[in-house]
Protein backbone atom coordinates (compact mmCIF):
# COMPACT_ATOMS: atom_id res chain seq x y z
CA UNK A 1 38.91 131.72 38.47
CA UNK A 2 42.19 129.84 38.92
CA UNK A 3 45.34 131.87 38.37
CA UNK A 4 48.46 130.46 36.72
CA UNK A 5 50.28 130.57 40.09
CA UNK A 6 47.53 128.59 41.80
CA UNK A 7 47.55 126.06 38.98
CA UNK A 8 51.35 125.67 39.12
CA UNK A 9 51.31 125.41 42.90
CA UNK A 10 48.64 122.71 42.72
CA UNK A 11 50.94 120.63 40.49
CA UNK A 12 53.84 120.77 42.96
CA UNK A 13 54.95 117.66 44.81
CA UNK A 14 56.62 117.91 48.19
CA UNK A 15 59.83 115.93 48.59
CA UNK A 16 61.38 115.49 52.00
CA UNK A 17 64.94 114.22 52.42
CA UNK A 18 67.09 113.25 55.35
CA UNK A 19 70.65 114.42 54.82
CA UNK A 20 73.78 114.03 56.92
CA UNK A 21 75.21 117.25 58.40
CA UNK A 22 78.05 117.36 55.86
CA UNK A 23 75.57 117.32 52.95
CA UNK A 24 73.49 120.06 54.56
CA UNK A 25 76.65 122.15 54.95
CA UNK A 26 77.45 121.61 51.25
CA UNK A 27 73.89 122.62 50.33
CA UNK A 28 74.13 125.75 52.48
CA UNK A 29 77.51 126.63 50.93
CA UNK A 30 76.13 126.22 47.39
CA UNK A 31 73.15 128.39 48.26
CA UNK A 32 75.48 131.14 49.49
CA UNK A 33 77.94 131.09 46.59
CA UNK A 34 75.20 130.93 43.94
CA UNK A 35 73.00 133.45 45.79
CA UNK A 36 70.07 131.07 45.41
CA UNK A 37 66.92 132.11 47.21
CA UNK A 38 66.36 128.67 48.75
CA UNK A 39 67.67 125.16 49.09
CA UNK A 40 64.99 124.12 46.61
CA UNK A 41 66.47 126.47 44.00
CA UNK A 42 69.92 124.93 44.56
CA UNK A 43 68.52 121.43 44.13
CA UNK A 44 66.53 122.37 40.99
CA UNK A 45 69.64 123.93 39.42
CA UNK A 46 71.74 120.92 40.39
CA UNK A 47 69.22 118.55 38.82
CA UNK A 48 69.19 120.53 35.56
CA UNK A 49 72.99 120.49 35.42
CA UNK A 50 73.20 116.79 36.32
CA UNK A 51 70.62 115.91 33.68
CA UNK A 52 72.48 117.91 31.01
CA UNK A 53 75.81 116.29 31.91
CA UNK A 54 74.34 112.80 31.78
CA UNK A 55 72.74 113.50 28.41
CA UNK A 56 76.05 114.78 27.02
CA UNK A 57 77.94 111.78 28.43
CA UNK A 58 75.40 109.39 26.91
CA UNK A 59 75.98 111.08 23.55
CA UNK A 60 79.73 110.44 23.82
CA UNK A 61 80.83 113.91 24.87
CA UNK A 62 84.02 114.47 26.85
CA UNK A 63 84.31 117.14 29.50
CA UNK A 64 87.31 119.44 29.53
CA UNK A 65 88.38 121.99 32.10
CA UNK A 66 90.74 124.77 31.16
CA UNK A 67 93.21 125.55 33.94
CA UNK A 68 94.41 129.08 34.69
CA UNK A 69 97.48 128.45 32.54
CA UNK A 70 95.17 127.77 29.58
CA UNK A 71 95.86 124.04 29.49
CA UNK A 72 92.72 121.95 28.95
CA UNK A 73 92.51 118.71 30.88
CA UNK A 74 89.98 115.91 30.61
CA UNK A 75 87.54 115.99 33.50
CA UNK A 76 86.06 112.64 34.42
CA UNK A 77 82.67 113.07 36.03
CA UNK A 78 81.19 109.64 35.51
CA UNK A 79 83.34 106.56 35.74
CA UNK A 80 82.42 102.99 35.91
């Protein structure tokens, strides 16, 4: 009998990346500040966020950041 975990694990694909030291340091920092259990969790979360931002941008959304003083400013993520 195949369990759900075994089935999900069987569907996984291994991805290996070479990253410069600065990128690895950024990954490590993000893992620490988000309390992610692994680098893979950081990357999965980043992909979900990136995908959502791209979808919003494609639909014409603007991104605003509200500063500590309460003033919203336009935040340009994608330019080109």
